[in-house]
N, C-alpha and C. Protein backbone atom coordinates (compact mmCIF):
# COMPACT_ATOMS: atom_id res chain seq x y z
N MET A 1 -8.49 0.28 26.34
CA MET A 1 -8.02 -0.17 25.05
C MET A 1 -8.10 -1.70 24.96
N CYS A 2 -7.69 -2.35 26.03
CA CYS A 2 -7.75 -3.82 26.05
C CYS A 2 -9.20 -4.30 25.98
N LEU A 3 -10.08 -3.62 26.70
CA LEU A 3 -11.49 -4.00 26.67
C LEU A 3 -12.06 -3.85 25.26
N GLY A 4 -11.66 -2.83 24.54
CA GLY A 4 -12.12 -2.62 23.18
C GLY A 4 -11.67 -3.73 22.25
N TYR A 5 -10.38 -4.07 22.30
CA TYR A 5 -9.87 -5.13 21.44
C TYR A 5 -10.49 -6.48 21.81
N LEU A 6 -10.65 -6.73 23.11
CA LEU A 6 -11.22 -8.01 23.53
C LEU A 6 -12.71 -8.11 23.23
N SER A 7 -13.43 -7.01 23.31
CA SER A 7 -14.85 -7.07 22.95
C SER A 7 -15.02 -7.33 21.46
N PHE A 8 -14.14 -6.77 20.63
CA PHE A 8 -14.19 -7.06 19.20
C PHE A 8 -13.83 -8.52 18.95
N ALA A 9 -12.82 -9.03 19.64
CA ALA A 9 -12.43 -10.44 19.49
C ALA A 9 -13.56 -11.36 19.95
N PHE A 10 -14.25 -11.00 21.01
CA PHE A 10 -15.38 -11.79 21.50
C PHE A 10 -16.50 -11.81 20.47
N PHE A 11 -16.77 -10.66 19.86
CA PHE A 11 -17.79 -10.61 18.82
C PHE A 11 -17.42 -11.50 17.64
N ILE A 12 -16.17 -11.45 17.19
CA ILE A 12 -15.73 -12.29 16.08
C ILE A 12 -15.82 -13.77 16.46
N ALA A 13 -15.43 -14.11 17.69
CA ALA A 13 -15.47 -15.51 18.14
C ALA A 13 -16.90 -16.04 18.21
N ILE A 14 -17.82 -15.22 18.68
CA ILE A 14 -19.22 -15.65 18.75
C ILE A 14 -19.82 -15.74 17.35
N TRP A 15 -19.44 -14.82 16.49
CA TRP A 15 -20.00 -14.76 15.14
C TRP A 15 -19.53 -15.92 14.27
N ILE A 16 -18.23 -16.25 14.31
CA ILE A 16 -17.68 -17.24 13.40
C ILE A 16 -17.68 -18.65 13.98
N ARG A 17 -17.44 -18.83 15.26
CA ARG A 17 -17.49 -20.09 15.99
C ARG A 17 -16.33 -21.04 15.74
N LYS A 18 -15.63 -20.95 14.65
CA LYS A 18 -14.46 -21.79 14.39
C LYS A 18 -13.22 -21.03 14.85
N GLY A 19 -12.43 -21.65 15.72
CA GLY A 19 -11.32 -20.96 16.35
C GLY A 19 -10.29 -20.38 15.40
N THR A 20 -9.79 -21.21 14.50
CA THR A 20 -8.75 -20.76 13.58
C THR A 20 -9.26 -19.67 12.65
N LEU A 21 -10.44 -19.86 12.13
CA LEU A 21 -11.02 -18.87 11.22
C LEU A 21 -11.32 -17.56 11.94
N ALA A 22 -11.75 -17.65 13.21
CA ALA A 22 -12.02 -16.44 13.99
C ALA A 22 -10.72 -15.66 14.24
N ILE A 23 -9.66 -16.36 14.58
CA ILE A 23 -8.38 -15.69 14.83
C ILE A 23 -7.85 -15.05 13.55
N LEU A 24 -7.92 -15.77 12.44
CA LEU A 24 -7.47 -15.20 11.17
C LEU A 24 -8.30 -13.99 10.76
N THR A 25 -9.60 -14.05 10.99
CA THR A 25 -10.47 -12.91 10.67
C THR A 25 -10.13 -11.72 11.55
N TYR A 26 -9.92 -11.97 12.83
CA TYR A 26 -9.59 -10.89 13.76
C TYR A 26 -8.30 -10.18 13.35
N PHE A 27 -7.24 -10.95 13.15
CA PHE A 27 -5.96 -10.34 12.80
C PHE A 27 -5.96 -9.71 11.42
N SER A 28 -6.64 -10.35 10.47
CA SER A 28 -6.67 -9.77 9.13
C SER A 28 -7.46 -8.47 9.11
N TYR A 29 -8.52 -8.37 9.91
CA TYR A 29 -9.27 -7.11 9.96
C TYR A 29 -8.43 -6.01 10.61
N ILE A 30 -7.81 -6.32 11.73
CA ILE A 30 -7.05 -5.30 12.46
C ILE A 30 -5.80 -4.87 11.69
N MET A 31 -5.09 -5.82 11.11
CA MET A 31 -3.81 -5.48 10.48
C MET A 31 -3.92 -5.07 9.02
N PHE A 32 -4.87 -5.63 8.29
CA PHE A 32 -4.91 -5.38 6.85
C PHE A 32 -6.17 -4.67 6.37
N LEU A 33 -7.33 -5.20 6.72
CA LEU A 33 -8.58 -4.73 6.13
C LEU A 33 -8.93 -3.30 6.54
N GLU A 34 -8.94 -3.02 7.84
CA GLU A 34 -9.31 -1.67 8.27
C GLU A 34 -8.32 -0.61 7.79
N PRO A 35 -7.00 -0.82 7.86
CA PRO A 35 -6.10 0.21 7.31
C PRO A 35 -6.28 0.45 5.82
N ILE A 36 -6.57 -0.62 5.07
CA ILE A 36 -6.80 -0.45 3.63
C ILE A 36 -8.08 0.32 3.38
N ILE A 37 -9.15 -0.03 4.09
CA ILE A 37 -10.42 0.69 3.93
C ILE A 37 -10.26 2.15 4.33
N ARG A 38 -9.54 2.40 5.42
CA ARG A 38 -9.32 3.79 5.85
C ARG A 38 -8.50 4.57 4.83
N ALA A 39 -7.50 3.95 4.23
CA ALA A 39 -6.68 4.62 3.21
C ALA A 39 -7.51 4.96 1.97
N ILE A 40 -8.35 4.03 1.55
CA ILE A 40 -9.22 4.30 0.40
C ILE A 40 -10.20 5.42 0.74
N HIS A 41 -10.78 5.37 1.92
CA HIS A 41 -11.70 6.42 2.37
C HIS A 41 -11.00 7.78 2.40
N LEU A 42 -9.79 7.79 2.91
CA LEU A 42 -9.05 9.04 3.02
C LEU A 42 -8.68 9.59 1.65
N ASN A 43 -8.30 8.73 0.71
CA ASN A 43 -7.92 9.20 -0.63
C ASN A 43 -9.11 9.73 -1.41
N TYR A 44 -10.28 9.14 -1.22
CA TYR A 44 -11.45 9.60 -1.98
C TYR A 44 -12.14 10.80 -1.36
N PHE A 45 -12.21 10.85 -0.03
CA PHE A 45 -13.01 11.90 0.61
C PHE A 45 -12.19 12.99 1.28
N ARG A 46 -10.99 12.70 1.75
CA ARG A 46 -10.11 13.68 2.40
C ARG A 46 -10.82 14.48 3.50
N ASN A 47 -11.51 13.77 4.38
CA ASN A 47 -12.10 14.45 5.52
C ASN A 47 -11.85 13.64 6.79
N ARG A 48 -12.27 14.18 7.86
CA ARG A 48 -11.96 13.64 9.18
C ARG A 48 -12.72 12.35 9.51
N SER A 49 -13.73 12.02 8.73
CA SER A 49 -14.54 10.85 9.04
C SER A 49 -13.76 9.54 8.91
N SER A 50 -12.63 9.56 8.24
CA SER A 50 -11.83 8.33 8.12
C SER A 50 -11.16 7.95 9.44
N LEU A 51 -11.19 8.82 10.42
CA LEU A 51 -10.58 8.53 11.72
C LEU A 51 -11.50 7.76 12.66
N PHE A 52 -12.76 7.62 12.32
CA PHE A 52 -13.74 7.06 13.23
C PHE A 52 -14.11 5.61 12.93
N TYR A 53 -13.17 4.84 12.40
CA TYR A 53 -13.38 3.40 12.26
C TYR A 53 -13.12 2.76 13.62
N PRO A 54 -13.76 1.63 13.91
CA PRO A 54 -13.74 1.09 15.28
C PRO A 54 -12.35 0.88 15.88
N MET A 55 -11.47 0.20 15.20
CA MET A 55 -10.17 -0.10 15.80
C MET A 55 -9.29 1.14 15.87
N ASN A 56 -9.47 2.09 14.99
CA ASN A 56 -8.70 3.33 15.08
C ASN A 56 -9.15 4.16 16.29
N VAL A 57 -10.43 4.19 16.53
CA VAL A 57 -10.94 4.92 17.70
C VAL A 57 -10.40 4.30 18.97
N ILE A 58 -10.43 2.97 19.05
CA ILE A 58 -9.94 2.28 20.24
C ILE A 58 -8.43 2.46 20.37
N GLU A 59 -7.72 2.45 19.27
CA GLU A 59 -6.26 2.62 19.31
C GLU A 59 -5.87 4.04 19.74
N ASP A 60 -6.69 5.02 19.43
CA ASP A 60 -6.36 6.40 19.79
C ASP A 60 -6.58 6.71 21.27
N LEU A 61 -7.01 5.73 22.07
CA LEU A 61 -7.05 5.92 23.51
C LEU A 61 -5.63 6.07 24.07
N MET A 62 -4.70 5.30 23.51
CA MET A 62 -3.28 5.41 23.87
C MET A 62 -2.49 5.50 22.58
N PRO A 63 -2.43 6.68 21.96
CA PRO A 63 -1.78 6.77 20.65
C PRO A 63 -0.27 6.59 20.75
N ASN A 64 0.29 6.15 19.66
CA ASN A 64 1.74 6.02 19.55
C ASN A 64 2.35 7.42 19.63
N PRO A 65 3.34 7.64 20.51
CA PRO A 65 3.91 8.98 20.64
C PRO A 65 4.59 9.50 19.38
N PHE A 66 4.99 8.61 18.49
CA PHE A 66 5.65 9.03 17.26
C PHE A 66 4.67 9.64 16.27
N PHE A 67 3.35 9.47 16.49
CA PHE A 67 2.35 10.07 15.60
C PHE A 67 2.10 11.54 15.91
N LYS A 68 2.58 12.02 17.05
CA LYS A 68 2.32 13.43 17.40
C LYS A 68 3.11 14.40 16.55
N LEU A 69 4.31 14.04 16.12
CA LEU A 69 5.11 14.92 15.28
C LEU A 69 4.53 15.05 13.87
N PRO A 70 4.23 13.95 13.17
CA PRO A 70 3.63 14.14 11.84
C PRO A 70 2.22 14.68 11.91
N ASP A 71 1.61 14.63 13.09
CA ASP A 71 0.27 15.19 13.25
C ASP A 71 0.25 16.68 12.92
N VAL A 72 1.31 17.39 13.26
CA VAL A 72 1.41 18.83 12.97
C VAL A 72 1.54 19.05 11.47
N TRP A 73 2.37 18.26 10.81
CA TRP A 73 2.57 18.43 9.36
C TRP A 73 1.30 18.07 8.58
N ILE A 74 0.66 17.00 8.98
CA ILE A 74 -0.54 16.56 8.26
C ILE A 74 -1.68 17.55 8.48
N GLU A 75 -1.74 18.15 9.66
CA GLU A 75 -2.78 19.16 9.90
C GLU A 75 -2.63 20.34 8.95
N LYS A 76 -1.40 20.74 8.66
CA LYS A 76 -1.19 21.84 7.72
C LYS A 76 -1.58 21.45 6.30
N GLU A 77 -1.29 20.20 5.92
CA GLU A 77 -1.57 19.76 4.55
C GLU A 77 -3.04 19.39 4.33
N TRP A 78 -3.61 18.62 5.24
CA TRP A 78 -4.98 18.11 5.05
C TRP A 78 -6.04 18.94 5.74
N GLY A 79 -5.67 19.68 6.76
CA GLY A 79 -6.65 20.49 7.47
C GLY A 79 -7.23 19.82 8.70
N PHE A 80 -6.76 18.63 9.05
CA PHE A 80 -7.20 17.96 10.27
C PHE A 80 -6.07 17.09 10.80
N LYS A 81 -6.13 16.79 12.09
CA LYS A 81 -5.11 15.96 12.73
C LYS A 81 -5.41 14.49 12.51
N ILE A 82 -4.38 13.65 12.56
CA ILE A 82 -4.60 12.22 12.37
C ILE A 82 -4.93 11.51 13.67
N LEU A 83 -4.79 12.19 14.79
CA LEU A 83 -5.13 11.60 16.08
C LEU A 83 -6.42 12.23 16.61
N LEU A 84 -7.25 11.40 17.21
CA LEU A 84 -8.46 11.90 17.84
C LEU A 84 -8.14 12.50 19.20
N SER A 85 -8.97 13.42 19.65
CA SER A 85 -8.78 13.94 21.00
C SER A 85 -9.16 12.85 22.00
N HIS A 86 -8.78 13.05 23.25
CA HIS A 86 -9.07 12.04 24.27
C HIS A 86 -10.57 11.86 24.47
N THR A 87 -11.31 12.95 24.39
CA THR A 87 -12.76 12.88 24.56
C THR A 87 -13.42 12.11 23.42
N GLU A 88 -13.00 12.39 22.20
CA GLU A 88 -13.55 11.67 21.05
C GLU A 88 -13.19 10.19 21.10
N ALA A 89 -11.96 9.89 21.47
CA ALA A 89 -11.53 8.49 21.55
C ALA A 89 -12.28 7.74 22.65
N LEU A 90 -12.48 8.38 23.79
CA LEU A 90 -13.18 7.73 24.89
C LEU A 90 -14.65 7.52 24.55
N GLY A 91 -15.30 8.54 24.01
CA GLY A 91 -16.71 8.40 23.65
C GLY A 91 -16.92 7.37 22.55
N GLY A 92 -16.07 7.41 21.53
CA GLY A 92 -16.18 6.43 20.45
C GLY A 92 -15.89 5.02 20.92
N SER A 93 -14.92 4.87 21.81
CA SER A 93 -14.59 3.54 22.33
C SER A 93 -15.74 2.96 23.14
N ILE A 94 -16.34 3.77 23.98
CA ILE A 94 -17.50 3.30 24.75
C ILE A 94 -18.62 2.90 23.82
N PHE A 95 -18.84 3.68 22.78
CA PHE A 95 -19.88 3.37 21.80
C PHE A 95 -19.61 2.05 21.09
N PHE A 96 -18.38 1.85 20.59
CA PHE A 96 -18.07 0.62 19.86
C PHE A 96 -18.02 -0.60 20.78
N ILE A 97 -17.55 -0.43 22.01
CA ILE A 97 -17.56 -1.55 22.96
C ILE A 97 -19.00 -1.96 23.25
N ALA A 98 -19.87 -0.99 23.43
CA ALA A 98 -21.29 -1.31 23.67
C ALA A 98 -21.90 -2.03 22.47
N ILE A 99 -21.56 -1.59 21.26
CA ILE A 99 -22.08 -2.26 20.06
C ILE A 99 -21.56 -3.68 19.96
N PHE A 100 -20.26 -3.88 20.15
CA PHE A 100 -19.69 -5.22 20.04
C PHE A 100 -20.26 -6.16 21.10
N MET A 101 -20.39 -5.67 22.33
CA MET A 101 -20.93 -6.53 23.38
C MET A 101 -22.41 -6.82 23.17
N SER A 102 -23.16 -5.83 22.69
CA SER A 102 -24.59 -6.05 22.43
C SER A 102 -24.79 -7.04 21.29
N LEU A 103 -24.02 -6.91 20.22
CA LEU A 103 -24.12 -7.85 19.11
C LEU A 103 -23.68 -9.25 19.53
N SER A 104 -22.65 -9.33 20.36
CA SER A 104 -22.21 -10.64 20.86
C SER A 104 -23.30 -11.29 21.71
N TRP A 105 -23.91 -10.52 22.59
CA TRP A 105 -24.99 -11.04 23.43
C TRP A 105 -26.18 -11.48 22.58
N TRP A 106 -26.53 -10.68 21.60
CA TRP A 106 -27.65 -11.02 20.72
C TRP A 106 -27.37 -12.29 19.93
N LEU A 107 -26.16 -12.41 19.36
CA LEU A 107 -25.80 -13.62 18.63
C LEU A 107 -25.76 -14.84 19.54
N PHE A 108 -25.24 -14.67 20.75
CA PHE A 108 -25.16 -15.77 21.70
C PHE A 108 -26.55 -16.27 22.08
N MET A 109 -27.48 -15.36 22.31
CA MET A 109 -28.83 -15.76 22.69
C MET A 109 -29.63 -16.32 21.51
N LYS A 110 -29.31 -15.87 20.30
CA LYS A 110 -30.05 -16.31 19.13
C LYS A 110 -29.64 -17.73 18.71
N ARG A 111 -28.36 -18.05 18.86
CA ARG A 111 -27.85 -19.34 18.41
C ARG A 111 -27.90 -20.39 19.52
N ASP A 112 -27.93 -21.61 19.13
CA ASP A 112 -27.89 -22.72 20.06
C ASP A 112 -26.44 -23.20 20.13
N ILE A 113 -25.71 -22.68 21.09
CA ILE A 113 -24.29 -23.00 21.18
C ILE A 113 -24.07 -24.11 22.18
């Protein structure tokens, strides 16, 4: 989970290059932008694909234990659970970590830093 968050932070830092702006972008994406996008996606489509956004996949490696109780209620109402299985979370995390590190490496080699 830490590697996932840090690889995303590394990608943002390489992409933006300004420290303050990179930190603000990182926190605003994690705390505000992705939850809003996921909520809009969930309200319009009502399917399981809203669970596979990068930070949600990484967060579901160690889910909050309080999400397990409403997971049963939401499964009855929506038809799917709000938590990913361990296999889905691990596979998705490896995929997103590889993407973030590859993009960071590509940006680092492309730019003259």
